[in-house]
Amino acid sequence: MHTEKKMDTLVPIVFKLPDFNTNTHSTARIYHEDANRLVKNIEADMVYIDPPYNSRQYGDIYHVLENIIDWQKPKLYGKAMKPQDRSKTKSKYSTSKAPEAFDELISNINARYIMVSHNNTAHKGAGRSNAKISNDEIIKSLSKRGNVKVFSEKFQVFTTGKTNIKDHKELLYLVEVDK
């Protein structure tokens, strides 16, 4: 028997352009591009990095946000209603090339401080859930730039019930970049 799924609301979602105050002299900038390319062209006081943790591509999960930025309105397919061509949102950070991409990113950052958010799931869950960059690889890359401080916090792991990850922690790495 086929049952039709219905949305829990019939109220339409309306996206509005934020009211920007153009009279301020803010130096804030918003970028929409590959971080590994971007860091070669900017400098900052602090760079905060929150790379994908595992093999699940962010573009597959956050494609609605990507579409709001691009405003392409692609045709959507399948149960998850994803755009068919997601090639431009695929990330090396969700593949075995993640440590290499991360090291390249860190080496090209022009900032006084680098902060990285990650977790300790490198070898704890099912294959797809394991982090693609280990804590040792993160520290190795960051140590090339300065002294690394690591802060940790116990955190409830996100799971669909297929994995049992014990002692899950969210980690924050901070580096004051050597001059």
Protein backbone atom coordinates (compact mmCIF):
# COMPACT_ATOMS: atom_id res chain seq x y z
CA MET A 1 0.00 0.00 0.00
CA HIS A 2 1.44 3.37 -1.03
CA THR A 3 0.97 6.25 1.36
CA GLU A 4 1.49 9.79 0.24
CA LYS A 5 3.68 11.97 2.41
CA LYS A 6 2.40 15.42 3.25
CA MET A 7 4.23 18.41 4.55
CA ASP A 8 3.43 19.43 8.09
CA THR A 9 2.68 22.98 7.04
CA LEU A 10 0.99 24.69 4.14
CA VAL A 11 2.40 28.11 4.96
CA PRO A 12 4.65 29.15 2.08
CA ILE A 13 8.26 30.00 2.80
CA VAL A 14 9.20 33.48 1.64
CA PHE A 15 12.84 34.53 1.38
CA LYS A 16 13.47 38.23 1.71
CA LEU A 17 16.62 40.22 1.12
CA PRO A 18 18.03 41.43 4.45
CA ASP A 19 17.88 45.15 5.08
CA PHE A 20 21.54 46.14 4.78
CA ASN A 21 22.63 49.45 6.19
CA THR A 22 24.79 50.78 3.36
CA ASN A 23 25.69 53.91 5.35
CA THR A 24 28.13 52.06 7.61
CA HIS A 25 31.82 51.77 6.88
CA SER A 26 32.02 48.06 7.63
CA THR A 27 34.92 46.04 6.31
CA ALA A 28 32.94 42.79 6.54
CA ARG A 29 32.97 40.69 3.38
CA ILE A 30 31.01 37.62 2.34
CA TYR A 31 32.58 35.14 -0.07
CA HIS A 32 31.07 32.22 -1.96
CA GLU A 33 33.96 30.23 -3.35
CA ASP A 34 36.32 27.37 -2.68
CA ALA A 35 38.14 28.07 0.60
CA ASN A 36 41.43 26.65 -0.69
CA ARG A 37 41.42 29.25 -3.49
CA LEU A 38 40.00 32.06 -1.37
CA VAL A 39 42.69 32.02 1.34
CA LYS A 40 45.36 32.72 -1.27
CA ASN A 41 43.74 36.10 -1.97
CA ILE A 42 42.66 37.46 1.41
CA GLU A 43 44.10 38.28 4.80
CA ALA A 44 42.26 38.30 8.11
CA ASP A 45 42.74 38.66 11.85
CA MET A 46 41.20 35.24 12.42
CA VAL A 47 40.11 32.43 10.13
CA TYR A 48 37.54 29.94 11.43
CA ILE A 49 37.37 26.59 9.63
CA ASP A 50 34.66 23.97 10.06
CA PRO A 51 35.43 21.38 7.35
CA PRO A 52 33.19 18.41 6.56
CA TYR A 53 33.92 15.61 9.01
CA ASN A 54 33.06 12.52 7.00
CA SER A 55 32.22 11.20 3.53
CA ARG A 56 28.79 12.82 3.43
CA GLN A 57 28.99 15.71 0.99
CA TYR A 58 27.73 19.00 2.45
CA GLY A 59 26.38 20.01 -0.95
CA ASP A 60 24.00 17.05 -0.84
CA ILE A 61 22.74 18.08 2.59
CA TYR A 62 22.80 21.88 2.30
CA HIS A 63 21.81 22.22 -1.35
CA VAL A 64 18.89 24.49 -0.43
CA LEU A 65 21.31 27.04 1.05
CA GLU A 66 23.55 26.72 -2.01
CA ASN A 67 20.55 27.38 -4.24
CA ILE A 68 19.58 30.47 -2.27
CA ILE A 69 23.07 31.83 -2.94
CA ASP A 70 23.16 30.86 -6.64
CA TRP A 71 19.43 31.27 -7.35
CA GLN A 72 19.55 28.69 -10.13
CA LYS A 73 16.28 26.94 -9.17
CA PRO A 74 17.38 23.54 -10.50
CA LYS A 75 14.96 20.70 -11.10
CA LEU A 76 14.96 18.39 -8.06
CA TYR A 77 14.96 14.58 -8.11
CA GLY A 78 14.44 11.58 -5.84
CA LYS A 79 13.09 11.21 -2.31
CA ALA A 80 15.58 13.72 -0.91
CA MET A 81 14.73 16.25 -3.64
CA LYS A 82 18.31 17.03 -4.60
CA PRO A 83 19.47 18.71 -7.80
CA GLN A 84 20.65 16.15 -10.32
CA ASP A 85 24.00 17.83 -11.06
CA ARG A 86 25.77 18.52 -7.79
CA SER A 87 29.30 18.34 -9.18
CA LYS A 88 30.18 21.95 -8.29
CA THR A 89 29.40 21.36 -4.61
CA LYS A 90 31.48 18.18 -4.25
CA SER A 91 34.32 18.62 -1.77
CA LYS A 92 37.71 16.96 -1.41
CA TYR A 93 37.14 17.30 2.33
CA SER A 94 34.66 14.41 2.15
CA THR A 95 37.12 12.07 0.43
CA SER A 96 40.46 10.38 1.11
CA LYS A 97 42.10 13.57 -0.22
CA ALA A 98 40.87 15.55 2.83
CA PRO A 99 44.18 15.59 4.77
CA GLU A 100 46.05 16.87 1.69
CA ALA A 101 43.40 19.54 0.97
CA PHE A 102 43.39 20.60 4.63
CA ASP A 103 47.19 20.90 4.74
CA GLU A 104 47.14 23.04 1.59
CA LEU A 105 44.43 25.28 3.07
CA ILE A 106 46.27 25.80 6.35
CA SER A 107 49.60 26.52 4.62
CA ASN A 108 48.03 29.31 2.54
CA ILE A 109 46.10 31.15 5.25
CA ASN A 110 47.24 34.72 5.85
CA ALA A 111 45.89 35.44 9.33
CA ARG A 112 47.06 36.07 12.87
CA TYR A 113 44.92 33.24 14.28
CA ILE A 114 43.55 30.02 12.82
CA MET A 115 40.69 28.23 14.56
CA VAL A 116 39.43 24.80 13.46
CA SER A 117 36.34 22.98 14.66
CA HIS A 118 36.29 19.19 14.32
CA ASN A 119 35.50 16.06 16.32
CA ASN A 120 37.18 12.85 17.46
CA THR A 121 35.44 10.34 15.16
CA ALA A 122 38.36 9.42 12.90
CA HIS A 123 38.06 5.69 13.58
CA LYS A 124 35.00 5.26 15.77
CA GLY A 125 31.95 4.75 13.60
CA ALA A 126 30.81 3.04 10.46
CA GLY A 127 32.98 3.73 7.39
CA ARG A 128 30.98 6.70 6.08
CA SER A 129 30.77 8.24 9.56
CA ASN A 130 34.50 8.22 10.24
CA ALA A 131 36.20 11.59 9.98
CA LYS A 132 38.28 11.97 6.84
CA ILE A 133 40.92 14.01 8.68
CA SER A 134 42.32 12.56 11.89
CA ASN A 135 43.18 14.68 14.92
CA ASP A 136 46.86 13.87 14.39
CA GLU A 137 46.66 15.12 10.78
CA ILE A 138 44.96 18.34 11.91
CA ILE A 139 47.62 18.97 14.56
CA LYS A 140 50.42 18.13 12.10
CA SER A 141 49.13 20.72 9.59
CA LEU A 142 48.42 23.39 12.20
CA SER A 143 51.77 22.88 13.96
CA LYS A 144 53.54 24.06 10.80
CA ARG A 145 51.97 27.49 11.44
CA GLY A 146 52.46 27.86 15.21
CA ASN A 147 51.75 26.44 18.65
CA VAL A 148 48.46 24.49 18.70
CA LYS A 149 46.06 24.63 21.64
CA VAL A 150 43.25 22.05 21.71
CA PHE A 151 39.99 22.50 23.59
CA SER A 152 37.47 19.67 23.89
CA GLU A 153 33.88 19.33 24.98
CA LYS A 154 31.83 16.16 25.39
CA PHE A 155 29.10 16.26 22.80
CA GLN A 156 26.08 14.18 21.83
CA VAL A 157 27.00 12.36 18.62
CA PHE A 158 24.64 12.62 15.66
CA THR A 159 23.61 9.15 14.57
CA THR A 160 20.78 7.47 12.73
CA GLY A 161 21.11 4.61 15.20
CA LYS A 162 23.51 2.51 13.13
CA THR A 163 26.62 3.41 15.10
CA ASN A 164 27.45 3.49 18.78
CA ILE A 165 30.18 6.07 19.27
CA LYS A 166 31.46 6.36 22.82
CA ASP A 167 33.36 9.33 24.29
CA HIS A 168 32.36 11.65 21.45
CA LYS A 169 33.93 15.10 21.66
CA GLU A 170 33.84 18.27 19.66
CA LEU A 171 37.32 19.76 19.39
CA LEU A 172 38.46 23.30 18.84
CA TYR A 173 42.03 23.90 17.69
CA LEU A 174 43.56 27.36 18.04
CA VAL A 175 46.84 28.54 16.55
CA GLU A 176 48.47 31.92 16.95
CA VAL A 177 50.37 32.00 13.65
CA ASP A 178 54.12 32.49 13.91
CA LYS A 179 55.31 35.65 12.20
